[in-house]
Amino acid sequence: MSKAVFISGYLYNLSDNIIPFLNKNTDLFVHTWQGNDNDRWIKKLERYKKYCGDFTLMTEKPKFERKRISYLYSTYAAIKMAKDIDKYNICIKFKPNLDAEEIEYSPDPFFHFKKAKLQSRPLLNDYKMDDCIYGTVHYKSIDERMFTAYPKTLKKIFHKPFNKFFEEITNIDKKLSEMMGENYEGSLLWTELFEKNNIPIIQDINLKLPNNRQWL
């Protein structure tokens, strides 16, 4: 199975828990920022080349002060680096600083989609398996640190012209800031972005993510 893994944002506390997701049939795409002591983490990431197929790395000077916008742009840039994204059977978006030695993950989108479709009839009648995002859902929002998707879904969100994408995420950010204050949880921005693009979020019960460090 051909797979793409996308890593975005600063690489602080990059963990070896990413290694089990890599093999010679997996291409790794990374977008990250220059400066702020990030260079040593970039060097660590480059050691993972031997575990994967193609390895593509892009670094830029920071563009945005607002972290939510910066992280979404970085994800946009990482996904755009896959010039032939349709060749992959599955895609994984991965945040590098997940605080666990091992991530419990056994992807089975067919099972999760079938179960969700049966339990929510007829809400998913007009959707196919590759129309959805699969991840950990807390109440009504997705944990954006890691999720599984198909090329079709990622293209729908991230293959827009940058000006259009930037306008979309900044408008959502403004709306959420007015409703809940500027320090709202970033997962709400991702959730709203998916919903605005008519992408259902399906609970992946096989994915176990560690708690955010801020809550420990």
N, C-alpha and C. Protein backbone atom coordinates (compact mmCIF):
# COMPACT_ATOMS: atom_id res chain seq x y z
N MET A 1 0.84 -1.19 0.00
CA MET A 1 0.00 0.00 0.00
C MET A 1 0.88 1.25 0.00
N SER A 2 0.63 2.13 -0.93
CA SER A 2 1.40 3.37 -1.02
C SER A 2 0.79 4.42 -0.09
N LYS A 3 1.65 5.07 0.69
CA LYS A 3 1.17 5.96 1.74
C LYS A 3 1.95 7.26 1.71
N ALA A 4 1.30 8.36 2.06
CA ALA A 4 1.97 9.65 2.25
C ALA A 4 1.78 10.10 3.68
N VAL A 5 2.86 10.57 4.29
CA VAL A 5 2.79 11.15 5.64
C VAL A 5 3.20 12.61 5.53
N PHE A 6 2.37 13.47 6.11
CA PHE A 6 2.63 14.91 6.07
C PHE A 6 2.89 15.41 7.48
N ILE A 7 4.01 16.11 7.65
CA ILE A 7 4.35 16.73 8.93
C ILE A 7 4.46 18.23 8.70
N SER A 8 3.92 19.00 9.62
CA SER A 8 3.93 20.45 9.43
C SER A 8 4.16 21.17 10.76
N GLY A 9 4.61 22.41 10.65
CA GLY A 9 4.85 23.23 11.83
C GLY A 9 6.25 23.05 12.38
N TYR A 10 6.51 23.69 13.51
CA TYR A 10 7.80 23.51 14.18
C TYR A 10 7.97 22.06 14.60
N LEU A 11 9.22 21.61 14.63
CA LEU A 11 9.51 20.21 14.92
C LEU A 11 9.96 19.98 16.37
N TYR A 12 9.68 20.92 17.23
CA TYR A 12 10.10 20.79 18.63
C TYR A 12 9.62 19.46 19.21
N ASN A 13 10.52 18.80 19.96
CA ASN A 13 10.21 17.54 20.64
C ASN A 13 9.81 16.44 19.67
N LEU A 14 10.36 16.50 18.46
CA LEU A 14 10.12 15.44 17.49
C LEU A 14 10.46 14.09 18.11
N SER A 15 9.53 13.15 18.00
CA SER A 15 9.70 11.85 18.66
C SER A 15 9.90 10.73 17.66
N ASP A 16 10.58 9.69 18.09
CA ASP A 16 10.76 8.52 17.24
C ASP A 16 9.47 7.73 17.07
N ASN A 17 8.38 8.19 17.69
CA ASN A 17 7.12 7.47 17.50
C ASN A 17 6.60 7.56 16.07
N ILE A 18 7.24 8.37 15.25
CA ILE A 18 6.86 8.43 13.84
C ILE A 18 7.44 7.27 13.03
N ILE A 19 8.52 6.66 13.51
CA ILE A 19 9.21 5.63 12.74
C ILE A 19 8.30 4.46 12.34
N PRO A 20 7.43 3.96 13.23
CA PRO A 20 6.56 2.85 12.82
C PRO A 20 5.60 3.18 11.67
N PHE A 21 5.40 4.47 11.38
CA PHE A 21 4.52 4.86 10.29
C PHE A 21 5.24 4.89 8.95
N LEU A 22 6.55 4.68 8.98
CA LEU A 22 7.36 4.83 7.77
C LEU A 22 7.83 3.48 7.25
N ASN A 23 7.88 3.36 5.93
CA ASN A 23 8.49 2.21 5.27
C ASN A 23 8.83 2.64 3.84
N LYS A 24 9.36 1.73 3.06
CA LYS A 24 9.81 2.09 1.72
C LYS A 24 8.66 2.40 0.77
N ASN A 25 7.43 2.07 1.17
CA ASN A 25 6.25 2.42 0.37
C ASN A 25 5.59 3.70 0.89
N THR A 26 6.28 4.40 1.77
CA THR A 26 5.75 5.62 2.37
C THR A 26 6.63 6.80 1.99
N ASP A 27 6.02 7.85 1.46
CA ASP A 27 6.73 9.09 1.17
C ASP A 27 6.44 10.10 2.27
N LEU A 28 7.48 10.79 2.70
CA LEU A 28 7.37 11.74 3.81
C LEU A 28 7.54 13.16 3.29
N PHE A 29 6.56 14.01 3.61
CA PHE A 29 6.59 15.41 3.19
C PHE A 29 6.56 16.29 4.44
N VAL A 30 7.53 17.17 4.55
CA VAL A 30 7.65 18.00 5.76
C VAL A 30 7.77 19.47 5.37
N HIS A 31 6.92 20.29 5.99
CA HIS A 31 7.09 21.74 5.91
C HIS A 31 7.32 22.26 7.32
N THR A 32 8.37 23.05 7.49
CA THR A 32 8.66 23.58 8.81
C THR A 32 9.28 24.97 8.68
N TRP A 33 9.56 25.57 9.84
CA TRP A 33 10.02 26.96 9.88
C TRP A 33 11.48 27.04 10.26
N GLN A 34 12.11 28.09 9.82
CA GLN A 34 13.51 28.36 10.16
C GLN A 34 13.59 29.11 11.48
N GLY A 35 14.71 28.91 12.17
CA GLY A 35 14.98 29.69 13.39
C GLY A 35 14.32 29.12 14.63
N ASN A 36 14.45 29.87 15.73
CA ASN A 36 13.88 29.50 17.03
C ASN A 36 14.31 28.10 17.48
N ASP A 37 15.58 27.77 17.24
CA ASP A 37 16.15 26.49 17.67
C ASP A 37 15.51 25.30 16.96
N ASN A 38 14.89 25.55 15.81
CA ASN A 38 14.25 24.46 15.08
C ASN A 38 15.25 23.66 14.24
N ASP A 39 16.42 24.24 13.97
CA ASP A 39 17.38 23.61 13.07
C ASP A 39 17.83 22.24 13.57
N ARG A 40 18.04 22.11 14.88
CA ARG A 40 18.52 20.82 15.39
C ARG A 40 17.47 19.73 15.25
N TRP A 41 16.19 20.14 15.31
CA TRP A 41 15.12 19.16 15.12
C TRP A 41 15.02 18.77 13.66
N ILE A 42 15.31 19.71 12.77
CA ILE A 42 15.33 19.39 11.34
C ILE A 42 16.41 18.35 11.05
N LYS A 43 17.56 18.50 11.68
CA LYS A 43 18.64 17.53 11.49
C LYS A 43 18.24 16.15 11.98
N LYS A 44 17.50 16.11 13.10
CA LYS A 44 17.03 14.82 13.61
C LYS A 44 16.07 14.19 12.62
N LEU A 45 15.16 14.98 12.07
CA LEU A 45 14.18 14.45 11.12
C LEU A 45 14.86 13.88 9.89
N GLU A 46 15.92 14.52 9.43
CA GLU A 46 16.61 14.05 8.23
C GLU A 46 17.21 12.66 8.42
N ARG A 47 17.41 12.25 9.66
CA ARG A 47 17.91 10.89 9.91
C ARG A 47 16.87 9.84 9.60
N TYR A 48 15.62 10.27 9.44
CA TYR A 48 14.54 9.31 9.16
C TYR A 48 14.46 8.95 7.68
N LYS A 49 15.31 9.55 6.86
CA LYS A 49 15.28 9.27 5.42
C LYS A 49 15.39 7.78 5.13
N LYS A 50 16.20 7.09 5.92
CA LYS A 50 16.45 5.68 5.65
C LYS A 50 15.23 4.81 5.91
N TYR A 51 14.23 5.34 6.62
CA TYR A 51 13.06 4.54 6.94
C TYR A 51 11.94 4.66 5.91
N CYS A 52 12.03 5.61 4.99
CA CYS A 52 10.91 5.87 4.09
C CYS A 52 11.34 5.83 2.63
N GLY A 53 10.40 6.05 1.74
CA GLY A 53 10.69 6.14 0.32
C GLY A 53 11.26 7.50 0.00
N ASP A 54 10.47 8.33 -0.65
CA ASP A 54 10.91 9.70 -0.93
C ASP A 54 10.76 10.57 0.31
N PHE A 55 11.70 11.48 0.47
CA PHE A 55 11.70 12.41 1.60
C PHE A 55 11.80 13.82 1.03
N THR A 56 10.77 14.64 1.29
CA THR A 56 10.75 16.01 0.78
C THR A 56 10.62 16.97 1.95
N LEU A 57 11.58 17.89 2.06
CA LEU A 57 11.59 18.85 3.17
C LEU A 57 11.63 20.27 2.62
N MET A 58 10.78 21.11 3.18
CA MET A 58 10.77 22.53 2.82
C MET A 58 10.79 23.36 4.09
N THR A 59 11.73 24.32 4.16
CA THR A 59 11.77 25.23 5.30
C THR A 59 11.57 26.66 4.81
N GLU A 60 10.89 27.45 5.61
CA GLU A 60 10.63 28.85 5.28
C GLU A 60 10.82 29.71 6.52
N LYS A 61 11.03 30.98 6.31
CA LYS A 61 10.99 31.92 7.41
C LYS A 61 9.54 32.07 7.85
N PRO A 62 9.29 32.22 9.15
CA PRO A 62 7.91 32.35 9.62
C PRO A 62 7.17 33.48 8.90
N LYS A 63 5.92 33.21 8.54
CA LYS A 63 5.12 34.16 7.77
C LYS A 63 4.02 34.82 8.60
N PHE A 64 3.52 34.13 9.62
CA PHE A 64 2.33 34.60 10.32
C PHE A 64 2.55 34.60 11.83
N GLU A 65 2.08 35.62 12.50
CA GLU A 65 2.20 35.69 13.95
C GLU A 65 1.18 34.78 14.63
N ARG A 66 0.01 34.67 14.05
CA ARG A 66 -1.06 33.88 14.66
C ARG A 66 -0.76 32.39 14.45
N LYS A 67 -0.57 31.65 15.56
CA LYS A 67 -0.12 30.27 15.49
C LYS A 67 -1.10 29.39 14.72
N ARG A 68 -2.39 29.62 14.90
CA ARG A 68 -3.39 28.79 14.23
C ARG A 68 -3.28 28.91 12.72
N ILE A 69 -3.11 30.13 12.26
CA ILE A 69 -2.98 30.37 10.83
C ILE A 69 -1.65 29.82 10.31
N SER A 70 -0.59 30.01 11.10
CA SER A 70 0.73 29.52 10.72
C SER A 70 0.73 28.01 10.55
N TYR A 71 0.09 27.30 11.48
CA TYR A 71 0.08 25.84 11.44
C TYR A 71 -0.76 25.32 10.27
N LEU A 72 -1.88 25.97 10.00
CA LEU A 72 -2.70 25.56 8.87
C LEU A 72 -1.98 25.83 7.55
N TYR A 73 -1.31 26.97 7.46
CA TYR A 73 -0.53 27.25 6.25
C TYR A 73 0.56 26.20 6.07
N SER A 74 1.24 25.83 7.15
CA SER A 74 2.31 24.86 7.07
C SER A 74 1.79 23.51 6.57
N THR A 75 0.61 23.13 7.03
CA THR A 75 -0.02 21.90 6.56
C THR A 75 -0.37 22.01 5.08
N TYR A 76 -0.91 23.16 4.70
CA TYR A 76 -1.21 23.43 3.29
C TYR A 76 0.04 23.26 2.43
N ALA A 77 1.16 23.83 2.88
CA ALA A 77 2.41 23.76 2.12
C ALA A 77 2.94 22.34 2.03
N ALA A 78 2.83 21.58 3.12
CA ALA A 78 3.31 20.20 3.12
C ALA A 78 2.53 19.35 2.13
N ILE A 79 1.21 19.50 2.14
CA ILE A 79 0.37 18.69 1.25
C ILE A 79 0.56 19.09 -0.20
N LYS A 80 0.77 20.36 -0.45
CA LYS A 80 0.99 20.82 -1.83
C LYS A 80 2.30 20.29 -2.41
N MET A 81 3.23 19.87 -1.55
CA MET A 81 4.50 19.33 -2.03
C MET A 81 4.34 17.98 -2.73
N ALA A 82 3.25 17.28 -2.44
CA ALA A 82 3.00 15.99 -3.09
C ALA A 82 2.43 16.25 -4.48
N LYS A 83 3.28 16.24 -5.48
CA LYS A 83 2.87 16.62 -6.83
C LYS A 83 1.92 15.61 -7.46
N ASP A 84 2.01 14.36 -7.04
CA ASP A 84 1.13 13.31 -7.56
C ASP A 84 0.41 12.64 -6.40
N ILE A 85 -0.36 13.40 -5.68
CA ILE A 85 -0.99 12.89 -4.46
C ILE A 85 -1.97 11.76 -4.74
N ASP A 86 -2.52 11.71 -5.93
CA ASP A 86 -3.51 10.67 -6.26
C ASP A 86 -2.91 9.27 -6.30
N LYS A 87 -1.60 9.14 -6.31
CA LYS A 87 -1.00 7.81 -6.38
C LYS A 87 -1.02 7.09 -5.03
N TYR A 88 -1.35 7.83 -3.96
CA TYR A 88 -1.32 7.23 -2.63
C TYR A 88 -2.66 6.60 -2.28
N ASN A 89 -2.59 5.43 -1.64
CA ASN A 89 -3.80 4.77 -1.17
C ASN A 89 -4.38 5.45 0.05
N ILE A 90 -3.49 6.02 0.86
CA ILE A 90 -3.93 6.65 2.11
C ILE A 90 -2.93 7.75 2.48
N CYS A 91 -3.41 8.73 3.22
CA CYS A 91 -2.56 9.84 3.67
C CYS A 91 -2.74 10.02 5.17
N ILE A 92 -1.64 10.35 5.83
CA ILE A 92 -1.69 10.60 7.28
C ILE A 92 -1.10 11.97 7.56
N LYS A 93 -1.85 12.77 8.26
CA LYS A 93 -1.35 14.06 8.75
C LYS A 93 -0.87 13.84 10.17
N PHE A 94 0.37 14.23 10.46
CA PHE A 94 1.02 13.85 11.71
C PHE A 94 1.68 15.07 12.34
N LYS A 95 1.42 15.32 13.61
CA LYS A 95 2.10 16.39 14.32
C LYS A 95 3.33 15.80 15.02
N PRO A 96 4.48 16.42 14.89
CA PRO A 96 5.73 15.78 15.32
C PRO A 96 5.92 15.65 16.82
N ASN A 97 5.22 16.41 17.63
CA ASN A 97 5.52 16.41 19.07
C ASN A 97 4.47 15.67 19.90
N LEU A 98 3.86 14.63 19.35
CA LEU A 98 2.93 13.83 20.13
C LEU A 98 3.68 13.18 21.28
N ASP A 99 3.22 13.42 22.50
CA ASP A 99 3.97 13.06 23.70
C ASP A 99 3.69 11.62 24.12
N ALA A 100 4.21 10.68 23.33
CA ALA A 100 4.07 9.26 23.64
C ALA A 100 5.17 8.50 22.93
N GLU A 101 5.68 7.46 23.57
CA GLU A 101 6.73 6.65 22.94
C GLU A 101 6.18 5.91 21.74
N GLU A 102 4.90 5.55 21.79
CA GLU A 102 4.28 4.81 20.70
C GLU A 102 2.85 5.29 20.52
N ILE A 103 2.42 5.47 19.28
CA ILE A 103 1.05 5.88 18.98
C ILE A 103 0.25 4.64 18.61
N GLU A 104 -0.81 4.39 19.34
CA GLU A 104 -1.68 3.25 19.04
C GLU A 104 -2.54 3.60 17.83
N TYR A 105 -2.30 2.89 16.74
CA TYR A 105 -2.94 3.27 15.47
C TYR A 105 -3.01 2.06 14.56
N SER A 106 -4.20 1.71 14.13
CA SER A 106 -4.41 0.62 13.19
C SER A 106 -5.51 1.05 12.23
N PRO A 107 -5.14 1.74 11.15
CA PRO A 107 -6.14 2.38 10.29
C PRO A 107 -7.08 1.37 9.62
N ASP A 108 -8.36 1.65 9.69
CA ASP A 108 -9.37 0.81 9.03
C ASP A 108 -10.54 1.70 8.62
N PRO A 109 -10.30 2.63 7.68
CA PRO A 109 -11.37 3.56 7.28
C PRO A 109 -12.64 2.88 6.80
N PHE A 110 -12.51 1.73 6.12
CA PHE A 110 -13.70 1.03 5.63
C PHE A 110 -14.61 0.65 6.79
N PHE A 111 -14.03 0.09 7.85
CA PHE A 111 -14.83 -0.31 9.01
C PHE A 111 -15.49 0.89 9.66
N HIS A 112 -14.72 1.96 9.87
CA HIS A 112 -15.26 3.13 10.54
C HIS A 112 -16.33 3.82 9.71
N PHE A 113 -16.12 3.89 8.39
CA PHE A 113 -17.12 4.52 7.53
C PHE A 113 -18.39 3.68 7.50
N LYS A 114 -18.26 2.38 7.35
CA LYS A 114 -19.43 1.50 7.30
C LYS A 114 -20.25 1.60 8.59
N LYS A 115 -19.54 1.60 9.72
CA LYS A 115 -20.22 1.68 11.01
C LYS A 115 -20.93 3.03 11.18
N ALA A 116 -20.24 4.11 10.82
CA ALA A 116 -20.84 5.45 10.94
C ALA A 116 -22.03 5.59 10.00
N LYS A 117 -21.92 5.03 8.81
CA LYS A 117 -23.02 5.14 7.83
C LYS A 117 -24.26 4.41 8.32
N LEU A 118 -24.07 3.24 8.92
CA LEU A 118 -25.20 2.48 9.44
C LEU A 118 -25.84 3.17 10.63
N GLN A 119 -25.01 3.72 11.50
CA GLN A 119 -25.53 4.30 12.74
C GLN A 119 -26.11 5.69 12.56
N SER A 120 -25.83 6.33 11.43
CA SER A 120 -26.33 7.69 11.23
C SER A 120 -27.23 7.79 10.00
N ARG A 121 -27.78 6.68 9.55
CA ARG A 121 -28.63 6.71 8.36
C ARG A 121 -29.74 7.76 8.49
N PRO A 122 -29.97 8.57 7.46
CA PRO A 122 -29.38 8.56 6.11
C PRO A 122 -28.31 9.63 5.91
N LEU A 123 -27.67 10.11 6.98
CA LEU A 123 -26.82 11.30 6.89
C LEU A 123 -25.61 11.11 5.97
N LEU A 124 -25.12 9.90 5.84
CA LEU A 124 -23.94 9.66 5.00
C LEU A 124 -24.28 9.01 3.65
N ASN A 125 -25.55 9.01 3.31
CA ASN A 125 -25.97 8.34 2.08
C ASN A 125 -25.32 8.92 0.82
N ASP A 126 -25.03 10.20 0.85
CA ASP A 126 -24.48 10.87 -0.34
C ASP A 126 -22.95 10.91 -0.33
N TYR A 127 -22.34 10.19 0.62
CA TYR A 127 -20.88 10.24 0.75
C TYR A 127 -20.27 8.86 0.51
N LYS A 128 -19.02 8.88 0.05
CA LYS A 128 -18.23 7.67 -0.08
C LYS A 128 -17.10 7.70 0.94
N MET A 129 -16.44 6.58 1.08
CA MET A 129 -15.40 6.45 2.09
C MET A 129 -14.30 7.50 1.91
N ASP A 130 -13.95 7.81 0.67
CA ASP A 130 -12.85 8.75 0.43
C ASP A 130 -13.29 10.21 0.48
N ASP A 131 -14.53 10.46 0.91
CA ASP A 131 -15.01 11.83 1.11
C ASP A 131 -14.78 12.32 2.53
N CYS A 132 -14.27 11.45 3.40
CA CYS A 132 -14.27 11.72 4.85
C CYS A 132 -12.87 11.84 5.42
N ILE A 133 -12.82 12.41 6.63
CA ILE A 133 -11.62 12.47 7.45
C ILE A 133 -11.81 11.51 8.62
N TYR A 134 -10.75 10.80 9.01
CA TYR A 134 -10.84 9.81 10.09
C TYR A 134 -9.86 10.18 11.20
N GLY A 135 -10.39 10.42 12.39
CA GLY A 135 -9.52 10.82 13.48
C GLY A 135 -10.22 10.71 14.83
N THR A 136 -9.56 11.24 15.85
CA THR A 136 -10.12 11.25 17.19
C THR A 136 -11.02 12.46 17.36
N VAL A 137 -12.24 12.23 17.79
CA VAL A 137 -13.22 13.30 17.94
C VAL A 137 -13.49 13.51 19.43
N HIS A 138 -13.37 14.75 19.89
CA HIS A 138 -13.69 15.12 21.26
C HIS A 138 -14.93 16.01 21.22
N TYR A 139 -16.02 15.50 21.75
CA TYR A 139 -17.32 16.17 21.66
C TYR A 139 -17.64 16.41 20.20
N LYS A 140 -17.49 17.61 19.66
CA LYS A 140 -17.82 17.87 18.27
C LYS A 140 -16.62 18.26 17.41
N SER A 141 -15.43 18.24 17.99
CA SER A 141 -14.25 18.71 17.25
C SER A 141 -13.23 17.59 17.07
N ILE A 142 -12.50 17.66 15.96
CA ILE A 142 -11.48 16.66 15.68
C ILE A 142 -10.15 17.05 16.34
N ASP A 143 -9.41 16.07 16.78
CA ASP A 143 -8.05 16.30 17.26
C ASP A 143 -7.16 16.38 16.02
N GLU A 144 -6.75 17.59 15.68
CA GLU A 144 -6.06 17.82 14.42
C GLU A 144 -4.61 17.35 14.43
N ARG A 145 -4.11 16.88 15.57
CA ARG A 145 -2.71 16.49 15.65
C ARG A 145 -2.38 15.29 14.76
N MET A 146 -3.38 14.45 14.54
CA MET A 146 -3.17 13.31 13.65
C MET A 146 -4.51 12.82 13.13
N PHE A 147 -4.58 12.60 11.82
CA PHE A 147 -5.79 12.01 11.24
C PHE A 147 -5.44 11.34 9.92
N THR A 148 -6.34 10.52 9.45
CA THR A 148 -6.18 9.79 8.19
C THR A 148 -7.14 10.35 7.16
N ALA A 149 -6.69 10.42 5.92
CA ALA A 149 -7.55 10.95 4.85
C ALA A 149 -7.14 10.32 3.53
N TYR A 150 -7.97 10.53 2.54
CA TYR A 150 -7.67 10.10 1.18
C TYR A 150 -7.25 11.32 0.35
N PRO A 151 -6.52 11.09 -0.73
CA PRO A 151 -6.11 12.22 -1.58
C PRO A 151 -7.27 13.11 -2.01
N LYS A 152 -8.40 12.52 -2.35
CA LYS A 152 -9.56 13.28 -2.79
C LYS A 152 -9.96 14.34 -1.76
N THR A 153 -9.97 13.95 -0.50
CA THR A 153 -10.39 14.85 0.56
C THR A 153 -9.37 15.96 0.78
N LEU A 154 -8.09 15.61 0.82
CA LEU A 154 -7.06 16.62 1.04
C LEU A 154 -7.00 17.62 -0.11
N LYS A 155 -7.20 17.15 -1.32
CA LYS A 155 -7.21 18.05 -2.47
C LYS A 155 -8.36 19.05 -2.37
N LYS A 156 -9.47 18.60 -1.88
CA LYS A 156 -10.65 19.46 -1.77
C LYS A 156 -10.38 20.65 -0.86
N ILE A 157 -9.57 20.43 0.17
CA ILE A 157 -9.28 21.50 1.13
C ILE A 157 -8.01 22.27 0.77
N PHE A 158 -6.93 21.54 0.48
CA PHE A 158 -5.60 22.13 0.43
C PHE A 158 -5.06 22.40 -0.97
N HIS A 159 -5.76 22.01 -2.01
CA HIS A 159 -5.27 22.26 -3.36
C HIS A 159 -5.93 23.49 -3.98
N LYS A 160 -6.48 24.35 -3.17
CA LYS A 160 -7.00 25.62 -3.65
C LYS A 160 -5.84 26.59 -3.84
N PRO A 161 -6.04 27.61 -4.67
CA PRO A 161 -5.03 28.68 -4.72
C PRO A 161 -4.82 29.26 -3.32
N PHE A 162 -3.57 29.61 -3.01
CA PHE A 162 -3.29 30.03 -1.64
C PHE A 162 -4.14 31.22 -1.21
N ASN A 163 -4.35 32.19 -2.06
CA ASN A 163 -5.14 33.37 -1.68
C ASN A 163 -6.55 32.96 -1.23
N LYS A 164 -7.12 32.00 -1.94
CA LYS A 164 -8.46 31.53 -1.58
C LYS A 164 -8.44 30.77 -0.26
N PHE A 165 -7.43 29.91 -0.09
CA PHE A 165 -7.30 29.15 1.15
C PHE A 165 -7.06 30.09 2.33
N PHE A 166 -6.18 31.06 2.16
CA PHE A 166 -5.87 32.00 3.24
C PHE A 166 -7.11 32.81 3.63
N GLU A 167 -7.85 33.26 2.66
CA GLU A 167 -9.07 34.00 2.94
C GLU A 167 -10.07 33.14 3.72
N GLU A 168 -10.16 31.88 3.33
CA GLU A 168 -11.09 30.97 3.98
C GLU A 168 -10.74 30.76 5.45
N ILE A 169 -9.48 30.45 5.75
CA ILE A 169 -9.11 30.15 7.14
C ILE A 169 -9.12 31.41 8.01
N THR A 170 -8.76 32.55 7.45
CA THR A 170 -8.79 33.78 8.24
C THR A 170 -10.22 34.21 8.54
N ASN A 171 -11.13 33.98 7.61
CA ASN A 171 -12.54 34.30 7.86
C ASN A 171 -13.12 33.40 8.95
N ILE A 172 -12.75 32.13 8.92
CA ILE A 172 -13.21 31.21 9.96
C ILE A 172 -12.63 31.61 11.31
N ASP A 173 -11.34 31.94 11.31
CA ASP A 173 -10.68 32.35 12.55
C ASP A 173 -11.34 33.61 13.13
N LYS A 174 -11.67 34.55 12.29
CA LYS A 174 -12.32 35.77 12.74
C LYS A 174 -13.69 35.46 13.34
N LYS A 175 -14.44 34.60 12.69
CA LYS A 175 -15.76 34.22 13.17
C LYS A 175 -15.68 33.55 14.55
N LEU A 176 -14.75 32.58 14.69
CA LEU A 176 -14.62 31.87 15.96
C LEU A 176 -14.09 32.78 17.06
N SER A 177 -13.19 33.69 16.71
CA SER A 177 -12.65 34.64 17.69
C SER A 177 -13.75 35.55 18.23
N GLU A 178 -14.64 35.98 17.35
CA GLU A 178 -15.75 36.84 17.77
C GLU A 178 -16.73 36.09 18.65
N MET A 179 -16.89 34.79 18.40
CA MET A 179 -17.83 33.98 19.17
C MET A 179 -17.27 33.56 20.52
N MET A 180 -15.96 33.20 20.56
CA MET A 180 -15.41 32.55 21.75
C MET A 180 -14.15 33.19 22.30
N GLY A 181 -13.70 34.28 21.68
CA GLY A 181 -12.46 34.91 22.10
C GLY A 181 -11.28 34.38 21.30
N GLU A 182 -10.21 35.15 21.23
CA GLU A 182 -9.08 34.82 20.36
C GLU A 182 -8.33 33.57 20.79
N ASN A 183 -8.46 33.14 22.04
CA ASN A 183 -7.72 31.98 22.53
C ASN A 183 -8.54 30.70 22.50
N TYR A 184 -9.50 30.61 21.59
CA TYR A 184 -10.29 29.39 21.47
C TYR A 184 -9.39 28.22 21.07
N GLU A 185 -9.84 27.00 21.33
CA GLU A 185 -9.06 25.81 21.01
C GLU A 185 -8.89 25.66 19.50
N GLY A 186 -7.65 25.44 19.06
CA GLY A 186 -7.35 25.40 17.63
C GLY A 186 -8.07 24.30 16.87
N SER A 187 -8.44 23.21 17.55
CA SER A 187 -9.15 22.12 16.88
C SER A 187 -10.48 22.59 16.30
N LEU A 188 -11.05 23.64 16.88
CA LEU A 188 -12.33 24.16 16.37
C LEU A 188 -12.15 24.78 14.99
N LEU A 189 -10.99 25.37 14.74
CA LEU A 189 -10.71 25.95 13.44
C LEU A 189 -10.64 24.86 12.37
N TRP A 190 -9.94 23.77 12.69
CA TRP A 190 -9.85 22.65 11.76
C TRP A 190 -11.23 22.04 11.51
N THR A 191 -12.00 21.87 12.57
CA THR A 191 -13.33 21.26 12.45
C THR A 191 -14.23 22.12 11.57
N GLU A 192 -14.21 23.41 11.81
CA GLU A 192 -15.03 24.33 11.02
C GLU A 192 -14.58 24.33 9.55
N LEU A 193 -13.28 24.22 9.31
CA LEU A 193 -12.76 24.17 7.95
C LEU A 193 -13.28 22.93 7.22
N PHE A 194 -13.25 21.79 7.89
CA PHE A 194 -13.77 20.56 7.28
C PHE A 194 -15.26 20.68 7.00
N GLU A 195 -15.99 21.18 7.97
CA GLU A 195 -17.44 21.29 7.81
C GLU A 195 -17.79 22.25 6.68
N LYS A 196 -17.06 23.34 6.58
CA LYS A 196 -17.33 24.33 5.53
C LYS A 196 -17.10 23.72 4.15
N ASN A 197 -16.20 22.76 4.06
CA ASN A 197 -15.92 22.10 2.79
C ASN A 197 -16.72 20.80 2.61
N ASN A 198 -17.70 20.62 3.47
CA ASN A 198 -18.62 19.47 3.36
C ASN A 198 -17.88 18.14 3.46
N ILE A 199 -16.99 18.06 4.43
CA ILE A 199 -16.21 16.84 4.66
C ILE A 199 -16.60 16.25 6.01
N PRO A 200 -17.27 15.10 6.02
CA PRO A 200 -17.65 14.48 7.30
C PRO A 200 -16.42 14.02 8.09
N ILE A 201 -16.51 14.12 9.40
CA ILE A 201 -15.46 13.65 10.30
C ILE A 201 -15.94 12.36 10.95
N ILE A 202 -15.18 11.29 10.74
CA ILE A 202 -15.55 9.97 11.25
C ILE A 202 -14.61 9.58 12.40
N GLN A 203 -15.20 9.10 13.48
CA GLN A 203 -14.41 8.70 14.64
C GLN A 203 -13.58 7.45 14.32
N ASP A 204 -12.28 7.54 14.56
CA ASP A 204 -11.37 6.41 14.39
C ASP A 204 -11.10 5.83 15.77
N ILE A 205 -11.80 4.76 16.10
CA ILE A 205 -11.70 4.22 17.47
C ILE A 205 -10.38 3.47 17.67
N ASN A 206 -9.63 3.21 16.60
CA ASN A 206 -8.35 2.53 16.74
C ASN A 206 -7.19 3.48 17.01
N LEU A 207 -7.45 4.78 16.91
CA LEU A 207 -6.40 5.77 17.10
C LEU A 207 -6.44 6.31 18.53
N LYS A 208 -5.35 6.13 19.25
CA LYS A 208 -5.25 6.60 20.64
C LYS A 208 -4.14 7.64 20.72
N LEU A 209 -4.53 8.90 20.92
CA LEU A 209 -3.55 9.99 21.00
C LEU A 209 -3.32 10.37 22.45
N PRO A 210 -2.09 10.75 22.79
CA PRO A 210 -1.81 11.22 24.15
C PRO A 210 -2.50 12.55 24.40
N ASN A 211 -2.67 12.86 25.68
CA ASN A 211 -3.26 14.14 26.04
C ASN A 211 -2.35 15.28 25.63
N ASN A 212 -2.96 16.44 25.37
CA ASN A 212 -2.16 17.63 25.15
C ASN A 212 -1.36 17.93 26.41
N ARG A 213 -0.12 18.36 26.23
CA ARG A 213 0.74 18.63 27.38
C ARG A 213 0.17 19.72 28.28
N GLN A 214 -0.57 20.65 27.69
CA GLN A 214 -1.08 21.77 28.49
C GLN A 214 -2.07 21.31 29.55
N TRP A 215 -2.63 20.10 29.38
CA TRP A 215 -3.62 19.60 30.34
C TRP A 215 -3.02 18.65 31.34
N LEU A 216 -1.73 18.35 31.20
CA LEU A 216 -1.11 17.38 32.12
C LEU A 216 -0.72 18.04 33.43
